[in-house]
Amino acid sequence: MKKIILIILTLINTSQILAQSGGYAGTFARLGFGARGLSKGNAMVSDLFGEYSGYYNPALACFQEDANLSLGYTFMSLDRKLNFIGFAKQFPLQNKKGGAGISLSWINFGVSNIDGRDNDGNQIGNFSVFENQFYLGTSFLVEENFAIGIGFKLYYSKLFEGVSTTSIAFDLGAAYKVTPNLSFGFTIRDLSAKYKWETNKIYGSTYGRTTENKFPILINFGSSYLLPKNFGVVSVEIESVINPNYEDKSNGIKIKSKNFYYVKVGGEININNYIKFRAGCDRIGLNEDDFMGSLKPGLGVGIKKIIGKNLLLGLDYAFQLEPYSKDAVQNLSLNINFKL
């Protein structure tokens, strides 16, 4: 049994490292959300000129006039699966210049086909693990073009039978539309997020132990510009990844982790009223030893169709390269805009 859990721990950590440098807990929650975000290099913290997602900034929902429902499925290597569902909507308040917004989302990640073997090397079956993020974001317009928001997250993950964990985390965000063509955004994400694994149920009080894995804290600041004649939008963003320090409680040794700093860039071009092309690059390293180490360039296309007066259907596709993997990440997302 111990060997099985060690194998699963090794494989899930390997999949995280291959997906994104660092290997810290909660990697799945830092990959991005939906085809539009992935193809634009995840430079979305300030993008007020398209479909919004509270995943990137809880304050953005204040600017989502029509209700937006998005569903996405991601094709990944190493038997990984990543699925999305999200909703965002602005709700006017009595004050005509004021308003509120709400965003909901669920991210599901899993690794399947893990080869389980006993201490003699005999195969005893295939195993799988999963991680989930449930999100509720609320936002308010402080002024007509300035919004603040807070996001509440519930993480639920299962590593093995009897080994699971839950955690509550918070996001803080702000968005400011300086002019009709220029906007800024800021967030602090995953405050207090951590996994706490307990194996007493499997090993007993003698050999069981409690392991705590804290998430990195992400600080993002960016700007987006709507090109003249609604030709498209370009975005640039800086991300600080504040990694948790490691502490060995058995001997009191603390090891300071290295923080990372990245640039994200992305753009979207409107070919006509129905087709959009997108391109971007995520995680351009600013650390002197990591300029290319985590680079994730992406491309994408979006097609939309207006149905009647109150319904708009969109189908988005993203193709994104990731470091250390021979296969690209591909995402298909369905976007439904409708009036409530």
Protein backbone atom coordinates (compact mmCIF):
# COMPACT_ATOMS: atom_id res chain seq x y z
CA MET A 1 0.00 0.00 0.00
CA LYS A 2 2.79 2.41 0.86
CA LYS A 3 4.48 1.78 -2.47
CA ILE A 4 1.23 2.44 -4.35
CA ILE A 5 0.84 5.87 -2.72
CA LEU A 6 4.49 6.71 -3.38
CA ILE A 7 4.02 5.85 -7.07
CA ILE A 8 0.93 8.05 -7.28
CA LEU A 9 2.69 10.93 -5.53
CA THR A 10 5.64 10.66 -7.89
CA LEU A 11 3.49 10.59 -11.02
CA ILE A 12 1.23 13.47 -10.05
CA ASN A 13 4.22 15.63 -9.13
CA THR A 14 5.88 14.70 -12.42
CA SER A 15 2.78 15.68 -14.37
CA GLN A 16 2.69 19.01 -12.59
CA ILE A 17 6.36 19.74 -13.26
CA LEU A 18 5.96 18.84 -16.92
CA ALA A 19 2.96 21.13 -17.18
CA GLN A 20 4.54 24.09 -15.45
CA SER A 21 7.95 24.62 -13.92
CA GLY A 22 8.09 24.56 -10.15
CA GLY A 23 6.01 21.56 -9.15
CA TYR A 24 4.22 23.38 -6.31
CA ALA A 25 0.75 22.36 -5.16
CA GLY A 26 -2.26 23.36 -7.23
CA THR A 27 -0.53 23.54 -10.60
CA PHE A 28 -3.77 22.71 -12.42
CA ALA A 29 -5.33 25.94 -11.13
CA ARG A 30 -2.57 28.03 -12.76
CA LEU A 31 -2.80 26.61 -16.30
CA GLY A 32 -5.50 29.04 -17.51
CA PHE A 33 -9.20 29.00 -18.27
CA GLY A 34 -10.83 28.35 -21.62
CA ALA A 35 -9.62 28.61 -25.20
CA ARG A 36 -9.64 32.42 -25.37
CA GLY A 37 -7.40 32.76 -22.32
CA LEU A 38 -5.00 29.99 -23.34
CA SER A 39 -4.53 31.29 -26.89
CA LYS A 40 -3.98 34.86 -25.60
CA GLY A 41 -1.14 33.75 -23.32
CA ASN A 42 -3.44 34.08 -20.27
CA ALA A 43 -2.93 37.86 -20.45
CA MET A 44 -6.49 38.40 -19.28
CA VAL A 45 -6.41 40.26 -15.96
CA SER A 46 -7.36 43.56 -17.64
CA ASP A 47 -9.25 42.40 -20.75
CA LEU A 48 -12.62 44.18 -20.66
CA PHE A 49 -13.22 43.85 -24.40
CA GLY A 50 -14.42 40.26 -24.74
CA GLU A 51 -15.89 37.42 -22.71
CA TYR A 52 -14.87 37.73 -19.07
CA SER A 53 -13.97 35.11 -16.50
CA GLY A 54 -13.69 35.59 -12.77
CA TYR A 55 -10.86 33.06 -12.89
CA TYR A 56 -8.54 35.83 -14.09
CA ASN A 57 -10.01 38.72 -12.11
CA PRO A 58 -13.18 38.71 -9.95
CA ALA A 59 -13.74 42.42 -10.73
CA LEU A 60 -14.33 41.80 -14.45
CA ALA A 61 -17.87 40.46 -14.03
CA CYS A 62 -19.14 44.01 -13.46
CA PHE A 63 -18.56 44.68 -17.16
CA GLN A 64 -20.27 41.52 -18.51
CA GLU A 65 -23.59 43.00 -19.68
CA ASP A 66 -25.07 39.82 -21.18
CA ALA A 67 -24.89 36.54 -19.29
CA ASN A 68 -21.98 34.39 -20.46
CA LEU A 69 -21.84 30.62 -20.04
CA SER A 70 -18.65 28.82 -21.08
CA LEU A 71 -17.76 25.14 -21.20
CA GLY A 72 -14.36 23.77 -22.14
CA TYR A 73 -12.53 20.49 -22.58
CA THR A 74 -8.74 20.26 -22.81
CA PHE A 75 -6.70 17.60 -24.59
CA MET A 76 -3.41 17.01 -22.74
CA SER A 77 -0.51 14.56 -22.69
CA LEU A 78 0.47 12.21 -19.84
CA ASP A 79 -3.14 11.03 -19.37
CA ARG A 80 -4.10 14.41 -17.90
CA LYS A 81 -7.62 15.82 -18.22
CA LEU A 82 -8.68 19.43 -17.66
CA ASN A 83 -12.29 20.61 -17.90
CA PHE A 84 -13.92 24.02 -17.37
CA ILE A 85 -17.35 25.46 -16.81
CA GLY A 86 -17.94 29.12 -16.03
CA PHE A 87 -20.63 31.80 -15.78
CA ALA A 88 -20.42 35.59 -15.49
CA LYS A 89 -23.06 38.34 -15.40
CA GLN A 90 -23.45 41.99 -14.50
CA PHE A 91 -26.45 43.00 -12.39
CA PRO A 92 -27.45 46.68 -12.33
CA LEU A 93 -28.18 48.26 -8.97
CA GLN A 94 -30.62 51.05 -8.21
CA ASN A 95 -27.88 53.56 -8.84
CA LYS A 96 -27.69 53.74 -12.64
CA LYS A 97 -23.94 54.33 -12.53
CA GLY A 98 -23.39 51.47 -10.12
CA GLY A 99 -23.62 47.75 -10.56
CA ALA A 100 -22.54 44.37 -9.31
CA GLY A 101 -21.22 41.27 -10.95
CA ILE A 102 -21.10 37.57 -10.19
CA SER A 103 -18.88 34.86 -11.62
CA LEU A 104 -19.02 31.11 -11.03
CA SER A 105 -16.67 28.42 -12.27
CA TRP A 106 -15.56 24.85 -11.79
CA ILE A 107 -12.20 23.48 -12.90
CA ASN A 108 -11.69 19.73 -12.85
CA PHE A 109 -8.27 18.15 -13.34
CA GLY A 110 -7.31 14.49 -13.24
CA VAL A 111 -4.58 11.99 -14.05
CA SER A 112 -5.69 8.50 -15.05
CA ASN A 113 -4.11 5.16 -16.00
CA ILE A 114 -1.62 5.19 -13.12
CA ASP A 115 -0.01 1.75 -12.99
CA GLY A 116 -0.42 0.33 -9.47
CA ARG A 117 1.88 -2.47 -8.31
CA ASP A 118 2.58 -4.21 -5.01
CA ASN A 119 5.97 -4.59 -3.32
CA ASP A 120 6.75 -7.61 -5.51
CA GLY A 121 6.14 -5.70 -8.72
CA ASN A 122 2.85 -7.39 -9.52
CA GLN A 123 0.23 -5.21 -11.17
CA ILE A 124 -2.83 -4.70 -8.98
CA GLY A 125 -4.80 -2.28 -11.14
CA ASN A 126 -4.97 1.21 -12.62
CA PHE A 127 -5.49 4.19 -10.36
CA SER A 128 -6.42 7.82 -10.85
CA VAL A 129 -6.30 11.11 -8.95
CA PHE A 130 -8.31 14.30 -9.29
CA GLU A 131 -8.29 17.95 -8.23
CA ASN A 132 -11.16 20.44 -8.28
CA GLN A 133 -11.53 24.18 -7.88
CA PHE A 134 -15.01 25.60 -7.17
CA TYR A 135 -15.15 29.37 -7.53
CA LEU A 136 -17.56 32.15 -6.57
CA GLY A 137 -16.62 35.72 -7.42
CA THR A 138 -18.47 38.92 -6.53
CA SER A 139 -17.67 42.44 -7.68
CA PHE A 140 -18.99 45.98 -7.39
CA LEU A 141 -18.61 49.16 -9.42
CA VAL A 142 -17.15 51.76 -7.07
CA GLU A 143 -17.39 54.29 -9.89
CA GLU A 144 -18.79 53.98 -13.38
CA ASN A 145 -15.55 52.55 -14.80
CA PHE A 146 -13.81 51.23 -11.68
CA ALA A 147 -14.64 47.87 -10.09
CA ILE A 148 -13.31 45.82 -7.21
CA GLY A 149 -13.97 42.16 -6.54
CA ILE A 150 -13.31 39.23 -4.27
CA GLY A 151 -13.29 35.56 -5.22
CA PHE A 152 -13.89 32.60 -2.92
CA LYS A 153 -12.37 29.24 -3.84
CA LEU A 154 -12.93 25.75 -2.55
CA TYR A 155 -10.31 23.17 -3.50
CA TYR A 156 -11.16 19.49 -3.20
CA SER A 157 -8.61 16.87 -4.20
CA LYS A 158 -8.29 13.13 -3.81
CA LEU A 159 -4.98 11.30 -4.01
CA PHE A 160 -5.96 7.78 -2.95
CA GLU A 161 -8.75 5.95 -1.16
CA GLY A 162 -8.94 7.60 2.26
CA VAL A 163 -6.45 10.33 1.31
CA SER A 164 -8.21 13.56 0.31
CA THR A 165 -8.06 17.23 1.23
CA THR A 166 -10.08 20.44 1.06
CA SER A 167 -8.93 24.05 1.26
CA ILE A 168 -10.51 27.51 1.12
CA ALA A 169 -8.70 30.34 -0.66
CA PHE A 170 -9.36 33.94 -1.72
CA ASP A 171 -8.71 36.22 -4.68
CA LEU A 172 -8.74 40.02 -4.66
CA GLY A 173 -9.06 42.06 -7.84
CA ALA A 174 -9.63 45.47 -9.37
CA ALA A 175 -10.34 46.70 -12.90
CA TYR A 176 -10.33 50.25 -14.27
CA LYS A 177 -11.50 51.35 -17.72
CA VAL A 178 -9.49 54.54 -18.21
CA THR A 179 -10.92 55.29 -21.65
CA PRO A 180 -13.29 53.36 -23.94
CA ASN A 181 -10.15 51.78 -25.47
CA LEU A 182 -7.79 51.34 -22.49
CA SER A 183 -8.15 49.32 -19.31
CA PHE A 184 -6.01 48.14 -16.39
CA GLY A 185 -6.40 45.17 -14.05
CA PHE A 186 -4.83 43.91 -10.84
CA THR A 187 -5.25 40.72 -8.79
CA ILE A 188 -3.81 38.81 -5.86
CA ARG A 189 -4.77 35.14 -6.14
CA ASP A 190 -4.78 31.99 -4.02
CA LEU A 191 -4.41 33.61 -0.61
CA SER A 192 -4.36 30.91 2.12
CA ALA A 193 -4.60 28.04 -0.40
CA LYS A 194 -2.94 24.79 0.70
CA TYR A 195 -3.29 21.02 0.65
CA LYS A 196 -3.15 19.09 3.90
CA TRP A 197 -2.69 15.35 3.45
CA GLU A 198 -3.25 12.92 6.32
CA THR A 199 -2.36 9.21 6.06
CA ASN A 200 -3.27 8.07 9.58
CA LYS A 201 -6.28 6.13 8.24
CA ILE A 202 -3.98 4.01 6.09
CA TYR A 203 -0.81 3.67 8.17
CA GLY A 204 -2.21 4.20 11.66
CA SER A 205 -0.96 6.63 14.29
CA THR A 206 2.52 5.07 14.35
CA TYR A 207 3.47 5.51 10.70
CA GLY A 208 0.86 7.98 9.50
CA ARG A 209 1.82 11.58 9.04
CA THR A 210 0.39 14.97 8.08
CA THR A 211 1.89 16.78 5.10
CA GLU A 212 1.04 20.38 4.26
CA ASN A 213 1.64 21.84 0.78
CA LYS A 214 0.99 25.56 0.37
CA PHE A 215 0.10 27.10 -3.01
CA PRO A 216 2.13 29.93 -4.50
CA ILE A 217 0.51 33.38 -4.30
CA LEU A 218 0.06 35.05 -7.69
CA ILE A 219 0.15 38.83 -8.16
CA ASN A 220 -0.88 40.06 -11.62
CA PHE A 221 -0.97 43.54 -13.12
CA GLY A 222 -1.80 44.24 -16.75
CA SER A 223 -3.26 46.51 -19.39
CA SER A 224 -5.42 45.94 -22.47
CA TYR A 225 -6.00 48.20 -25.46
CA LEU A 226 -8.90 48.02 -27.91
CA LEU A 227 -7.55 48.70 -31.39
CA PRO A 228 -9.22 51.41 -33.54
CA LYS A 229 -12.38 50.50 -35.47
CA ASN A 230 -12.81 47.44 -33.23
CA PHE A 231 -10.04 45.69 -35.16
CA GLY A 232 -9.03 43.67 -32.10
CA VAL A 233 -7.45 43.86 -28.66
CA VAL A 234 -3.89 43.55 -27.36
CA SER A 235 -2.88 42.82 -23.76
CA VAL A 236 0.30 42.77 -21.70
CA GLU A 237 0.67 41.57 -18.14
CA ILE A 238 3.28 41.01 -15.43
CA GLU A 239 2.91 38.10 -13.03
CA SER A 240 4.76 37.56 -9.75
CA VAL A 241 4.77 34.00 -8.40
CA ILE A 242 5.49 34.12 -4.66
CA ASN A 243 6.42 30.55 -3.82
CA PRO A 244 5.95 29.21 -0.27
CA ASN A 245 8.99 28.54 1.85
CA TYR A 246 9.76 24.95 2.79
CA GLU A 247 9.89 24.01 6.46
CA ASP A 248 11.12 20.67 7.80
CA LYS A 249 9.27 20.48 11.12
CA SER A 250 11.28 17.47 12.29
CA ASN A 251 14.45 19.53 12.67
CA GLY A 252 13.18 23.10 12.37
CA ILE A 253 15.05 23.86 9.13
CA LYS A 254 13.50 26.51 6.88
CA ILE A 255 14.45 26.84 3.22
CA LYS A 256 13.53 30.03 1.38
CA SER A 257 11.97 29.35 -2.02
CA LYS A 258 12.80 31.35 -5.11
CA ASN A 259 10.13 33.64 -6.50
CA PHE A 260 9.51 33.94 -10.23
CA TYR A 261 8.46 36.86 -12.43
CA TYR A 262 6.88 36.52 -15.85
CA VAL A 263 5.48 38.59 -18.70
CA LYS A 264 2.34 37.53 -20.57
CA VAL A 265 1.36 39.00 -23.94
CA GLY A 266 -1.62 38.29 -26.15
CA GLY A 267 -3.72 39.66 -28.97
CA GLU A 268 -6.99 39.08 -30.76
CA ILE A 269 -7.78 40.20 -34.33
CA ASN A 270 -11.33 40.49 -35.67
CA ILE A 271 -11.28 39.19 -39.24
CA ASN A 272 -14.97 39.99 -39.61
CA ASN A 273 -18.08 39.88 -37.43
CA TYR A 274 -17.87 36.11 -37.12
CA ILE A 275 -14.19 35.04 -37.01
CA LYS A 276 -11.35 36.01 -34.67
CA PHE A 277 -7.70 34.94 -34.67
CA ARG A 278 -5.68 34.96 -31.46
CA ALA A 279 -2.04 34.57 -30.45
CA GLY A 280 -0.05 35.01 -27.27
CA CYS A 281 2.78 33.85 -25.11
CA ASP A 282 2.54 32.92 -21.44
CA ARG A 283 5.33 32.83 -18.86
CA ILE A 284 8.12 34.81 -20.51
CA GLY A 285 10.62 34.56 -17.66
CA LEU A 286 12.16 37.69 -16.17
CA ASN A 287 14.50 35.74 -13.89
CA GLU A 288 17.95 35.72 -15.43
CA ASP A 289 18.07 31.92 -15.51
CA ASP A 290 14.48 31.30 -16.66
CA PHE A 291 13.80 33.44 -19.75
CA MET A 292 12.85 30.47 -21.95
CA GLY A 293 12.45 27.71 -19.36
CA SER A 294 8.68 28.01 -18.90
CA LEU A 295 7.69 29.62 -22.20
CA LYS A 296 4.17 28.71 -23.40
CA PRO A 297 3.27 30.20 -26.82
CA GLY A 298 -0.27 29.74 -28.10
CA LEU A 299 -2.54 30.25 -31.09
CA GLY A 300 -6.30 30.14 -31.44
CA VAL A 301 -9.39 30.92 -33.44
CA GLY A 302 -12.92 31.87 -32.46
CA ILE A 303 -16.13 31.55 -34.48
CA LYS A 304 -19.44 33.05 -33.39
CA LYS A 305 -22.99 32.94 -34.70
CA ILE A 306 -25.86 35.25 -33.74
CA ILE A 307 -29.14 33.41 -33.29
CA GLY A 308 -32.18 35.60 -33.02
CA LYS A 309 -31.98 38.76 -30.92
CA ASN A 310 -30.95 37.35 -27.58
CA LEU A 311 -28.52 34.49 -28.21
CA LEU A 312 -24.93 34.37 -29.45
CA LEU A 313 -23.06 31.06 -29.81
CA GLY A 314 -19.28 30.92 -30.01
CA LEU A 315 -16.85 28.07 -30.54
CA ASP A 316 -13.20 28.71 -29.60
CA TYR A 317 -10.10 26.61 -30.17
CA ALA A 318 -6.65 27.03 -28.57
CA PHE A 319 -3.31 25.38 -29.32
CA GLN A 320 -0.62 25.98 -26.71
CA LEU A 321 2.87 24.53 -26.39
CA GLU A 322 4.11 23.65 -22.92
CA PRO A 323 7.67 23.03 -21.75
CA TYR A 324 9.01 19.49 -21.31
CA SER A 325 6.12 17.85 -23.18
CA LYS A 326 6.16 16.61 -26.76
CA ASP A 327 2.42 17.22 -27.19
CA ALA A 328 0.62 20.56 -27.17
CA VAL A 329 -2.29 21.54 -24.97
CA GLN A 330 -5.47 21.87 -27.07
CA ASN A 331 -8.74 23.28 -25.79
CA LEU A 332 -12.23 23.49 -27.25
CA SER A 333 -14.63 25.92 -25.58
CA LEU A 334 -18.28 26.67 -26.18
CA ASN A 335 -19.42 30.18 -25.28
CA ILE A 336 -23.08 31.11 -24.95
CA ASN A 337 -24.07 34.76 -24.51
CA PHE A 338 -27.71 35.42 -23.67
CA LYS A 339 -29.90 38.00 -21.97
CA LEU A 340 -31.46 37.45 -18.56
